[in-house]
Protein backbone atom coordinates (compact mmCIF):
# COMPACT_ATOMS: atom_id res chain seq x y z
CA MET A 1 0.00 0.00 0.00
CA ASN A 2 1.24 3.47 -0.89
CA TYR A 3 0.76 5.45 2.31
CA GLY A 4 1.67 8.62 0.45
CA GLN A 5 -1.95 8.64 -0.72
CA PHE A 6 -2.90 9.98 2.70
CA LEU A 7 -1.51 13.31 1.44
CA ASN A 8 -4.54 13.40 -0.87
CA MET A 9 -6.71 13.28 2.26
CA MET A 10 -5.20 16.33 3.93
CA PRO A 11 -8.38 17.67 5.65
CA GLU A 12 -9.02 14.26 7.21
CA ALA A 13 -5.35 13.76 8.07
CA CYS A 14 -5.25 17.16 9.78
CA LEU A 15 -8.37 16.33 11.79
CA VAL A 16 -6.72 13.10 12.96
CA PHE A 17 -3.62 15.08 13.98
CA TRP A 18 -5.68 17.58 16.01
CA LEU A 19 -7.69 14.73 17.52
CA ILE A 20 -4.50 13.05 18.76
CA LEU A 21 -3.18 16.40 20.04
CA VAL A 22 -6.38 17.02 22.03
CA PHE A 23 -6.10 13.50 23.49
CA PHE A 24 -2.55 14.03 24.73
CA VAL A 25 -3.25 17.53 26.05
CA ASP A 26 -6.27 16.22 27.94
CA PHE A 27 -4.11 13.43 29.36
CA ALA A 28 -1.09 15.56 30.30
CA LEU A 29 -2.50 18.85 31.64
CA THR A 30 -4.92 19.68 34.43
CA GLY A 31 -7.01 22.55 35.73
CA GLU A 32 -7.48 25.94 34.09
CA ARG A 33 -4.30 25.51 32.05
CA LYS A 34 -5.79 22.47 30.30
CA SER A 35 -9.11 24.24 29.65
CA GLN A 36 -7.50 27.26 28.03
CA PHE A 37 -5.05 25.21 25.97
CA LEU A 38 -7.78 22.87 24.69
CA LYS A 39 -10.01 25.81 23.79
CA TRP A 40 -7.32 27.51 21.74
CA VAL A 41 -6.35 24.23 20.08
CA MET A 42 -9.94 23.91 18.85
CA TYR A 43 -10.08 27.56 17.79
CA VAL A 44 -7.01 26.97 15.60
CA ALA A 45 -7.77 23.40 14.49
CA LEU A 46 -11.15 24.04 12.86
CA PRO A 47 -10.52 27.13 10.70
CA VAL A 48 -6.81 26.60 9.99
CA GLY A 49 -6.52 22.82 10.19
CA VAL A 50 -9.33 22.34 7.67
CA ALA A 51 -9.36 25.42 5.44
CA PHE A 52 -5.58 25.56 4.96
CA PRO A 53 -5.10 22.03 3.54
CA ILE A 54 -8.10 22.55 1.24
CA ALA A 55 -6.68 25.87 0.02
CA TRP A 56 -3.29 24.17 -0.39
CA ASN A 57 -4.75 21.52 -2.70
CA PRO A 58 -8.18 22.64 -3.97
CA ALA A 59 -8.12 20.40 -7.07
CA PRO A 60 -10.24 17.22 -7.14
CA THR A 61 -8.27 14.25 -5.78
CA GLU A 62 -8.74 10.56 -5.15
CA ALA A 63 -6.96 7.95 -3.06
CA PHE A 64 -6.86 4.19 -2.51
CA GLY A 65 -8.25 3.16 -5.85
CA GLY A 66 -11.30 5.40 -5.78
CA LEU A 67 -12.42 4.66 -2.21
CA TYR A 68 -11.79 8.31 -1.43
CA VAL A 69 -12.89 10.89 -4.03
CA THR A 70 -13.24 14.61 -3.53
CA SER A 71 -14.24 17.63 -5.60
CA GLN A 72 -14.27 21.39 -5.26
CA LEU A 73 -17.90 21.38 -4.07
CA VAL A 74 -17.09 18.76 -1.44
CA ASN A 75 -14.19 20.93 -0.25
CA VAL A 76 -16.54 23.91 0.05
CA MET A 77 -18.92 21.84 2.17
CA LYS A 78 -16.01 20.76 4.40
CA VAL A 79 -15.16 24.42 5.04
CA ILE A 80 -18.82 25.12 5.90
CA LEU A 81 -19.01 22.16 8.28
CA ALA A 82 -15.77 23.26 9.98
CA LEU A 83 -17.15 26.80 10.34
CA GLY A 84 -20.34 25.46 11.91
CA THR A 85 -18.37 23.25 14.31
CA LEU A 86 -16.22 26.24 15.31
CA ILE A 87 -19.39 28.20 16.19
CA VAL A 88 -20.60 25.21 18.24
CA VAL A 89 -17.28 25.13 20.13
CA ILE A 90 -17.49 28.86 20.86
CA MET A 91 -21.12 28.76 22.03
CA SER A 92 -20.35 25.67 24.18
CA GLN A 93 -17.95 27.54 26.48
CA PRO A 94 -20.55 28.73 29.05
CA TRP A 95 -21.95 25.19 29.26
CA LEU A 96 -18.48 23.63 29.54
CA GLN A 97 -17.79 25.77 32.61
CA THR A 98 -20.01 23.30 34.49
CA ALA A 99 -18.18 20.29 33.04
CA LYS A 100 -14.52 21.30 33.00
CA LYS A 101 -13.18 17.79 33.55
CA LEU A 102 -15.01 16.58 30.44
CA GLU A 103 -13.80 19.23 27.97
CA GLY A 104 -11.24 16.91 26.37
CA GLU A 105 -13.82 14.19 25.76
CA TYR A 106 -16.26 16.73 24.33
CA TYR A 107 -13.74 18.10 21.84
CA MET A 108 -12.57 14.61 20.84
CA LEU A 109 -16.14 13.52 20.15
CA LEU A 110 -16.78 16.66 18.07
CA LEU A 111 -13.64 16.10 15.99
CA SER A 112 -14.43 12.40 15.59
CA THR A 113 -17.92 12.98 14.26
CA LEU A 114 -16.66 15.77 11.97
CA LEU A 115 -14.03 13.36 10.63
CA GLY A 116 -16.77 10.83 9.89
CA MET A 117 -18.77 13.45 8.00
CA PHE A 118 -15.73 14.39 5.92
CA ILE A 119 -15.16 10.75 4.99
CA MET A 120 -18.85 10.31 4.19
CA ILE A 121 -19.04 13.16 1.68
CA SER A 122 -15.69 12.19 0.10
CA SER A 123 -16.57 8.54 -0.43
CA GLY A 124 -16.37 6.87 -3.81
CA ASN A 125 -17.59 3.52 -2.53
CA PHE A 126 -20.68 2.48 -0.56
CA LEU A 127 -18.59 0.65 2.04
CA MET A 128 -16.43 3.74 2.62
CA PHE A 129 -19.60 5.82 2.80
CA PHE A 130 -21.09 3.54 5.45
CA LEU A 131 -17.89 3.61 7.52
CA GLY A 132 -17.90 7.41 7.43
CA LEU A 133 -21.56 7.50 8.39
CA GLU A 134 -21.01 5.26 11.42
CA THR A 135 -17.87 7.19 12.40
CA ALA A 136 -20.08 10.27 12.53
CA SER A 137 -23.10 8.64 14.21
CA VAL A 138 -21.53 6.80 17.16
CA PRO A 139 -19.77 9.87 18.65
CA LEU A 140 -23.01 11.81 18.15
CA ALA A 141 -24.81 9.34 20.42
CA CYS A 142 -22.13 9.94 23.06
CA LEU A 143 -22.56 13.69 22.69
CA VAL A 144 -26.34 13.42 23.14
CA ALA A 145 -25.74 11.49 26.40
CA PHE A 146 -22.95 13.85 27.49
CA ASP A 147 -24.91 15.50 30.31
CA LYS A 148 -24.95 12.42 32.51
CA LYS A 149 -26.63 14.19 35.45
CA LYS A 150 -29.84 14.69 33.47
CA GLN A 151 -32.16 11.77 32.89
CA GLN A 152 -33.48 13.37 29.71
CA SER A 153 -30.02 13.29 28.15
CA ALA A 154 -29.60 9.53 28.71
CA GLU A 155 -33.13 8.88 27.44
CA ALA A 156 -32.49 10.98 24.32
CA ALA A 157 -29.26 9.09 23.62
CA ALA A 158 -31.02 5.72 24.02
CA LYS A 159 -33.70 6.74 21.50
CA TYR A 160 -31.07 8.09 19.12
CA ILE A 161 -28.80 5.03 19.20
CA LEU A 162 -31.67 2.54 18.88
CA THR A 163 -33.19 4.29 15.88
CA ALA A 164 -29.73 4.91 14.39
CA THR A 165 -28.94 1.21 14.67
CA PHE A 166 -32.18 0.27 12.96
CA SER A 167 -31.69 2.82 10.17
CA SER A 168 -28.11 1.62 9.61
CA GLY A 169 -29.37 -1.93 9.24
CA VAL A 170 -31.97 -0.83 6.71
CA MET A 171 -29.33 1.09 4.77
CA LEU A 172 -26.92 -1.87 4.72
CA TYR A 173 -29.76 -4.07 3.50
CA GLY A 174 -30.36 -1.65 0.62
CA ILE A 175 -26.64 -1.47 -0.21
CA SER A 176 -26.50 -5.28 -0.32
CA PHE A 177 -29.36 -5.26 -2.86
CA LEU A 178 -27.50 -2.76 -5.04
CA TYR A 179 -24.31 -4.81 -4.77
CA GLY A 180 -26.16 -8.00 -5.67
CA ALA A 181 -27.68 -6.37 -8.74
CA THR A 182 -24.59 -4.57 -10.06
CA GLY A 183 -21.68 -6.59 -8.66
CA THR A 184 -19.81 -3.52 -7.37
CA LEU A 185 -19.82 -1.03 -4.51
CA TYR A 186 -17.91 1.70 -6.36
CA PHE A 187 -20.00 4.70 -7.34
CA GLU A 188 -18.45 5.12 -10.81
CA ASP A 189 -18.67 1.43 -11.69
CA MET A 190 -22.32 1.23 -10.66
CA VAL A 191 -23.59 3.81 -13.17
CA LEU A 192 -23.17 1.69 -16.33
CA PRO A 193 -24.96 -1.45 -15.02
CA LEU A 194 -27.83 0.69 -13.76
CA SER A 195 -28.07 2.48 -17.13
CA ASN A 196 -28.17 -0.83 -19.00
CA MET A 197 -30.89 -2.18 -16.73
CA THR A 198 -32.97 0.95 -17.19
CA ASN A 199 -32.52 1.16 -20.98
CA TYR A 200 -32.79 -2.51 -21.91
CA GLY A 201 -34.76 -3.96 -19.03
CA SER A 202 -33.65 -6.57 -16.54
CA ASP A 203 -35.15 -8.99 -14.07
CA LYS A 204 -32.90 -7.33 -11.47
CA MET A 205 -34.77 -4.01 -11.63
CA PRO A 206 -37.07 -4.82 -8.65
CA LEU A 207 -33.92 -5.60 -6.63
CA VAL A 208 -32.35 -2.29 -7.65
CA ILE A 209 -35.48 -0.28 -6.81
CA MET A 210 -35.82 -1.95 -3.42
CA GLY A 211 -32.13 -1.28 -2.73
CA MET A 212 -32.58 2.38 -3.63
CA VAL A 213 -35.64 2.71 -1.38
CA PHE A 214 -33.92 1.04 1.59
CA PHE A 215 -30.79 3.15 1.14
CA PHE A 216 -32.87 6.33 0.93
CA SER A 217 -34.80 5.32 4.05
CA GLY A 218 -31.61 4.81 6.05
CA LEU A 219 -30.18 8.17 5.06
CA GLY A 220 -33.59 9.80 5.52
CA PHE A 221 -33.25 9.05 9.23
CA LYS A 222 -30.01 11.05 9.43
CA LEU A 223 -31.75 13.97 7.72
CA SER A 224 -34.95 13.71 9.83
CA LEU A 225 -37.07 13.40 6.71
CA VAL A 226 -40.70 12.38 7.25
CA PRO A 227 -41.60 9.56 8.00
CA PHE A 228 -38.15 8.86 9.52
CA HIS A 229 -38.27 11.81 11.90
CA PHE A 230 -39.82 10.46 15.11
CA TRP A 231 -36.55 10.45 17.06
CA THR A 232 -35.81 14.11 16.39
CA ALA A 233 -37.92 16.04 18.92
CA ASP A 234 -37.09 13.87 21.94
CA THR A 235 -33.39 13.74 21.09
CA TYR A 236 -33.12 17.49 20.50
CA GLN A 237 -34.92 18.25 23.77
CA GLY A 238 -32.85 15.85 25.89
CA ALA A 239 -29.41 16.60 24.45
CA PRO A 240 -27.27 19.49 25.77
CA THR A 241 -28.19 22.62 23.81
CA PRO A 242 -24.82 23.00 21.99
CA VAL A 243 -25.12 19.37 20.90
CA THR A 244 -28.68 20.02 19.71
CA GLY A 245 -27.36 22.87 17.59
CA TYR A 246 -24.67 20.60 16.18
CA LEU A 247 -27.22 17.90 15.36
CA SER A 248 -29.58 20.36 13.69
CA VAL A 249 -27.15 21.82 11.17
CA ILE A 250 -23.76 20.11 10.85
CA SER A 251 -24.95 16.52 10.59
CA LYS A 252 -27.75 17.55 8.23
CA GLY A 253 -25.39 19.40 5.89
CA SER A 254 -23.08 16.44 5.38
CA ALA A 255 -25.91 13.91 4.94
CA ALA A 256 -27.74 16.20 2.48
CA LEU A 257 -24.71 16.65 0.22
CA ALA A 258 -23.91 12.92 0.36
CA LEU A 259 -27.46 12.03 -0.65
CA CYS A 260 -27.39 14.66 -3.41
CA ILE A 261 -24.15 13.23 -4.86
CA ILE A 262 -25.35 9.62 -4.76
CA LEU A 263 -28.78 10.34 -6.26
CA THR A 264 -27.63 12.69 -9.02
CA LYS A 265 -24.42 10.86 -9.95
CA VAL A 266 -24.71 7.18 -9.03
CA MET A 267 -28.47 6.72 -9.35
CA ALA A 268 -28.98 9.15 -12.22
CA PRO A 269 -30.31 6.30 -14.43
CA LEU A 270 -33.06 5.72 -11.85
CA VAL A 271 -34.15 9.35 -11.78
CA GLU A 272 -37.75 8.58 -12.79
CA TYR A 273 -38.09 6.41 -9.69
CA TRP A 274 -36.30 8.43 -7.04
CA GLU A 275 -37.77 11.76 -8.18
CA VAL A 276 -41.26 10.56 -7.28
CA LEU A 277 -39.98 9.22 -3.95
CA MET A 278 -38.08 12.44 -3.24
CA GLY A 279 -41.01 14.69 -4.19
CA THR A 280 -43.39 12.80 -1.91
CA VAL A 281 -40.98 12.88 1.02
CA ILE A 282 -40.23 16.60 0.56
CA VAL A 283 -43.93 17.53 0.58
CA LEU A 284 -44.55 15.44 3.71
CA THR A 285 -41.41 16.71 5.46
CA ILE A 286 -42.09 20.41 4.95
CA THR A 287 -45.80 20.13 5.76
CA VAL A 288 -45.53 17.87 8.82
CA GLY A 289 -42.57 19.82 10.20
CA ASN A 290 -44.50 23.09 9.92
CA LEU A 291 -47.74 21.74 11.41
CA PHE A 292 -46.03 20.25 14.45
CA ALA A 293 -43.77 23.28 14.97
CA MET A 294 -46.86 25.47 15.37
CA ARG A 295 -47.97 23.38 18.38
CA GLN A 296 -44.70 23.51 20.34
CA LYS A 297 -44.14 25.56 23.49
CA GLU A 298 -40.69 24.17 24.35
CA LEU A 299 -38.05 25.91 22.26
CA LYS A 300 -35.75 22.93 21.63
CA ARG A 301 -38.68 20.80 20.46
CA PHE A 302 -39.82 23.79 18.41
CA MET A 303 -36.42 23.99 16.74
CA ALA A 304 -36.50 20.23 16.17
CA PHE A 305 -39.64 20.44 14.04
CA SER A 306 -38.33 23.60 12.42
CA SER A 307 -35.19 21.66 11.40
CA ILE A 308 -37.39 18.88 9.97
CA SER A 309 -39.11 21.43 7.76
CA GLN A 310 -35.78 23.00 6.81
CA ALA A 311 -34.48 19.55 5.80
CA GLY A 312 -37.31 19.37 3.29
CA TYR A 313 -36.26 22.70 1.79
CA ILE A 314 -32.63 21.55 1.64
CA MET A 315 -33.58 18.39 -0.28
CA LEU A 316 -35.74 20.42 -2.65
CA ALA A 317 -32.51 21.40 -4.42
CA VAL A 318 -31.82 17.75 -5.32
CA MET A 319 -34.85 17.59 -7.63
CA GLY A 320 -33.28 19.91 -10.17
CA ASN A 321 -30.20 20.02 -12.36
CA SER A 322 -27.31 18.37 -10.51
CA ALA A 323 -24.83 21.28 -10.74
CA LEU A 324 -27.37 23.99 -9.94
CA GLY A 325 -28.96 21.77 -7.29
CA GLY A 326 -25.61 21.13 -5.61
CA THR A 327 -24.89 24.85 -5.57
CA ALA A 328 -28.30 25.73 -4.09
CA LEU A 329 -28.04 22.94 -1.50
CA THR A 330 -24.57 24.00 -0.34
CA TYR A 331 -25.53 27.67 -0.18
CA TYR A 332 -28.68 26.81 1.79
CA VAL A 333 -26.63 24.80 4.31
CA LEU A 334 -24.21 27.72 4.72
CA VAL A 335 -27.03 30.18 5.46
CA TYR A 336 -28.85 27.67 7.65
CA VAL A 337 -25.71 27.12 9.76
CA VAL A 338 -25.34 30.77 10.77
CA ALA A 339 -29.08 31.43 11.27
CA ASN A 340 -29.82 28.30 13.28
CA MET A 341 -26.67 28.57 15.40
CA ALA A 342 -27.58 32.17 16.30
CA VAL A 343 -30.92 30.97 17.71
CA PHE A 344 -29.29 28.11 19.60
CA THR A 345 -26.64 30.44 21.03
CA VAL A 346 -29.35 32.60 22.60
CA ILE A 347 -31.26 29.54 23.83
CA ASN A 348 -28.05 28.17 25.33
CA VAL A 349 -27.05 31.31 27.23
CA VAL A 350 -30.57 31.73 28.66
CA GLU A 351 -30.67 28.07 29.67
CA GLN A 352 -27.28 28.27 31.37
CA ARG A 353 -28.31 31.31 33.42
CA TYR A 354 -31.92 30.50 34.27
CA GLY A 355 -32.45 26.85 33.33
CA ARG A 356 -35.43 27.60 31.08
CA THR A 357 -36.08 26.63 27.46
CA ASP A 358 -39.85 27.19 27.34
CA MET A 359 -41.23 29.85 25.01
CA ASP A 360 -42.97 31.70 27.85
CA ALA A 361 -39.55 32.49 29.32
CA TYR A 362 -39.05 34.94 26.44
CA ASN A 363 -42.13 37.04 27.21
CA SER A 364 -40.99 40.70 27.53
CA PHE A 365 -37.43 39.55 26.80
CA TYR A 366 -36.84 42.70 24.73
CA GLU A 367 -37.48 44.94 27.75
CA THR A 368 -34.63 43.40 29.74
CA ASN A 369 -32.27 42.10 27.03
CA PRO A 370 -32.85 44.15 23.86
CA LYS A 371 -29.59 43.21 22.11
CA LEU A 372 -30.11 39.47 22.40
CA SER A 373 -33.74 39.91 21.32
CA PHE A 374 -32.71 41.87 18.26
CA LEU A 375 -30.06 39.33 17.17
CA MET A 376 -32.46 36.43 17.71
CA THR A 377 -35.08 38.27 15.64
CA LEU A 378 -32.64 38.64 12.74
CA ALA A 379 -31.89 34.90 12.88
CA LEU A 380 -35.60 33.97 12.97
CA PHE A 381 -36.34 36.31 10.03
CA SER A 382 -33.57 34.59 8.06
CA LEU A 383 -34.95 31.13 8.86
CA ALA A 384 -38.39 32.28 7.77
CA GLY A 385 -37.00 33.63 4.48
CA ILE A 386 -37.88 37.29 5.03
CA PRO A 387 -35.91 39.72 2.81
CA PRO A 388 -33.30 41.16 2.81
CA PHE A 389 -31.72 38.48 5.00
CA ALA A 390 -29.72 35.56 3.60
CA GLY A 391 -32.49 33.03 4.25
CA MET A 392 -34.65 34.60 1.55
CA PHE A 393 -31.93 34.13 -1.08
CA SER A 394 -31.23 30.53 -0.01
CA LYS A 395 -34.91 29.62 -0.39
CA PHE A 396 -35.06 31.37 -3.76
CA PHE A 397 -32.11 29.37 -5.08
CA VAL A 398 -33.51 25.98 -3.99
CA PHE A 399 -36.87 26.88 -5.58
CA MET A 400 -35.07 27.89 -8.77
CA ALA A 401 -32.99 24.68 -8.80
CA ALA A 402 -36.08 22.49 -8.39
CA ALA A 403 -38.10 24.39 -10.99
CA GLU A 404 -35.20 24.03 -13.45
CA GLU A 405 -36.13 20.35 -13.80
CA GLY A 406 -39.30 21.44 -15.59
CA SER A 407 -41.62 18.51 -14.82
CA PHE A 408 -45.12 18.76 -13.39
CA LEU A 409 -43.95 16.99 -10.22
CA ALA A 410 -41.16 19.53 -9.67
CA TYR A 411 -43.55 22.46 -10.14
CA PHE A 412 -46.04 20.88 -7.75
CA VAL A 413 -43.43 20.33 -5.05
CA VAL A 414 -42.16 23.92 -5.43
CA PHE A 415 -45.75 25.19 -5.16
CA VAL A 416 -46.36 23.24 -1.94
CA ALA A 417 -43.04 24.49 -0.54
CA LEU A 418 -44.04 28.09 -1.36
CA ILE A 419 -47.41 27.65 0.36
CA ASN A 420 -45.62 26.26 3.41
CA THR A 421 -43.59 29.43 3.84
CA VAL A 422 -46.75 31.04 5.28
CA PRO A 423 -47.13 28.74 8.34
CA SER A 424 -43.37 28.80 8.84
CA LEU A 425 -43.50 32.60 8.98
CA TYR A 426 -46.30 32.34 11.55
CA TYR A 427 -44.50 30.08 14.00
CA TYR A 428 -41.17 31.93 13.78
CA LEU A 429 -43.00 35.18 14.48
CA ARG A 430 -44.53 33.60 17.60
CA ILE A 431 -41.13 33.90 19.28
CA VAL A 432 -40.74 37.48 18.05
CA LYS A 433 -44.21 38.26 19.43
CA ALA A 434 -43.24 36.76 22.80
CA MET A 435 -40.09 38.88 23.00
CA TYR A 436 -41.58 42.20 21.87
CA ILE A 437 -45.34 42.15 22.47
CA LYS A 438 -46.40 39.59 25.12
CA LYS A 439 -46.08 41.02 28.60
CA SER A 440 -44.79 39.20 31.65
CA THR A 441 -44.91 40.23 35.28
CA THR A 442 -41.65 38.36 35.89
CA PRO A 443 -39.49 38.72 32.77
CA LEU A 444 -36.01 37.27 32.74
CA PRO A 445 -33.63 39.74 34.39
CA ALA A 446 -31.11 41.69 32.35
CA PHE A 447 -27.70 40.07 32.10
CA LYS A 448 -24.44 40.60 30.29
CA SER A 449 -23.41 37.83 27.90
CA ASP A 450 -19.95 36.35 28.20
CA VAL A 451 -17.31 37.01 25.56
CA ASN A 452 -17.75 33.59 23.89
CA THR A 453 -21.49 34.09 23.44
CA ARG A 454 -20.89 37.54 21.96
CA LEU A 455 -18.27 36.13 19.58
CA ALA A 456 -20.58 33.33 18.39
CA LEU A 457 -23.45 35.77 17.86
CA ALA A 458 -21.17 38.20 16.03
CA LEU A 459 -20.07 35.49 13.58
CA CYS A 460 -23.65 34.32 13.00
CA THR A 461 -25.07 37.82 12.60
CA ALA A 462 -22.33 38.77 10.14
CA GLY A 463 -23.22 35.69 8.08
CA ILE A 464 -26.96 36.43 8.19
CA ALA A 465 -26.37 39.97 6.98
CA ALA A 466 -23.58 39.32 4.47
CA PHE A 467 -24.25 35.96 2.80
CA GLY A 468 -27.36 37.23 1.07
CA VAL A 469 -25.79 40.51 -0.08
CA VAL A 470 -22.19 39.60 -0.91
CA SER A 471 -22.62 37.86 -4.27
CA CYS A 472 -19.11 36.44 -4.34
CA ILE A 473 -20.15 33.84 -1.71
CA TYR A 474 -22.70 32.29 -4.05
CA GLN A 475 -20.35 32.64 -7.02
CA TRP A 476 -17.62 30.82 -5.07
CA ILE A 477 -19.97 27.89 -4.43
CA ALA A 478 -21.32 27.97 -7.99
CA SER A 479 -17.84 27.86 -9.54
CA ALA A 480 -16.96 24.92 -7.27
CA ALA A 481 -20.07 23.09 -8.49
CA GLY A 482 -19.26 23.84 -12.12
CA VAL A 483 -22.30 26.03 -12.82
């Protein structure tokens, strides 16, 4: 084996290096010195340790006979995932003050799951893809159960790992069907057999279709697509709030791009089958997510159903032209990261100070904490797609990508998604109404946010304001996708 091929996997190799460094620092140091050193290691590792190797070698590469394959769009998504993880690390600092002895484990789990996501979106083989998926999923279960003192956290982790195990089994079953029908697990080698079966007919077509459905079902769990979403609300509510934020955006971004690549590249010959499946799931996901979000009074459960609906909008991009769809999907994930993490940063700091995550806690919040209320309002407006914030542009691009396909099904799905923007606007504005209009005799007292919370909110607010206005961001993603 030529181990020099690991140089083609520089982002992953750098993550492994930082992971080992965090392990040894956690083992060797103690007290405040360890906390500060670990924090600054993470602050350097995520932006520099990921972006620098990608900038050093931005060209598409492959390693180990096509097991590992990357592209410019995949590299862009890796930068976005690293940015989102950095924001999670920053917003986690107030919470980690109560769990100082566990900081090293927390950072190692974050880096491990990020490494799995990188491998997943850079896979050129279904076996490599599955290994990356499990590398990302198992540490996530540990993160959900991280707050051992809370019963809800352990319960949420149990629900997550049980449903994750079941979905992984379903996905492996589907992959085995595809392997049995085509005789290969490599993405490139699978396209020709599938094309021949579609064009000339084959008695293996039922096997292929069942394999595609089972594979889609397994990955649909990771994305919280309806009807594979039942774990989401309980897991989001029970997990520590920074982990909930990580689950809602980072894991979704990697799974969405991986599914987009596999459907539009590997299963392109089966487009007439998976388009119907995808359209049905998108309509159900957006509608069910919106309807259940309107009924929630607990903010983390509210954001869980909001993220289900947002997953439907993300996957809307897959229905269109592959290059334009990949661009719209990646841009949507970028905007979604900054908007969603801004909301979770506010939820986290309020929870750490007062132990409340119910919506009524935010009644008259503007009177005592106007700055936090204003920043949270900007984030909610972006999630709802209100102009001129970045969320409006991200929704426009996914609608445009889906409509580009030109079929009646695509137009119908876009129409349903447009209609669903109305209830989504309603339930996001419920929080704004609570902060600005609803009165409370005992509002949350005024408090000054710590420097880490202010830094996380500054990064998110800058993204919300700039990503929709600065056109070079979209052009950068579009050029990477080859549009």
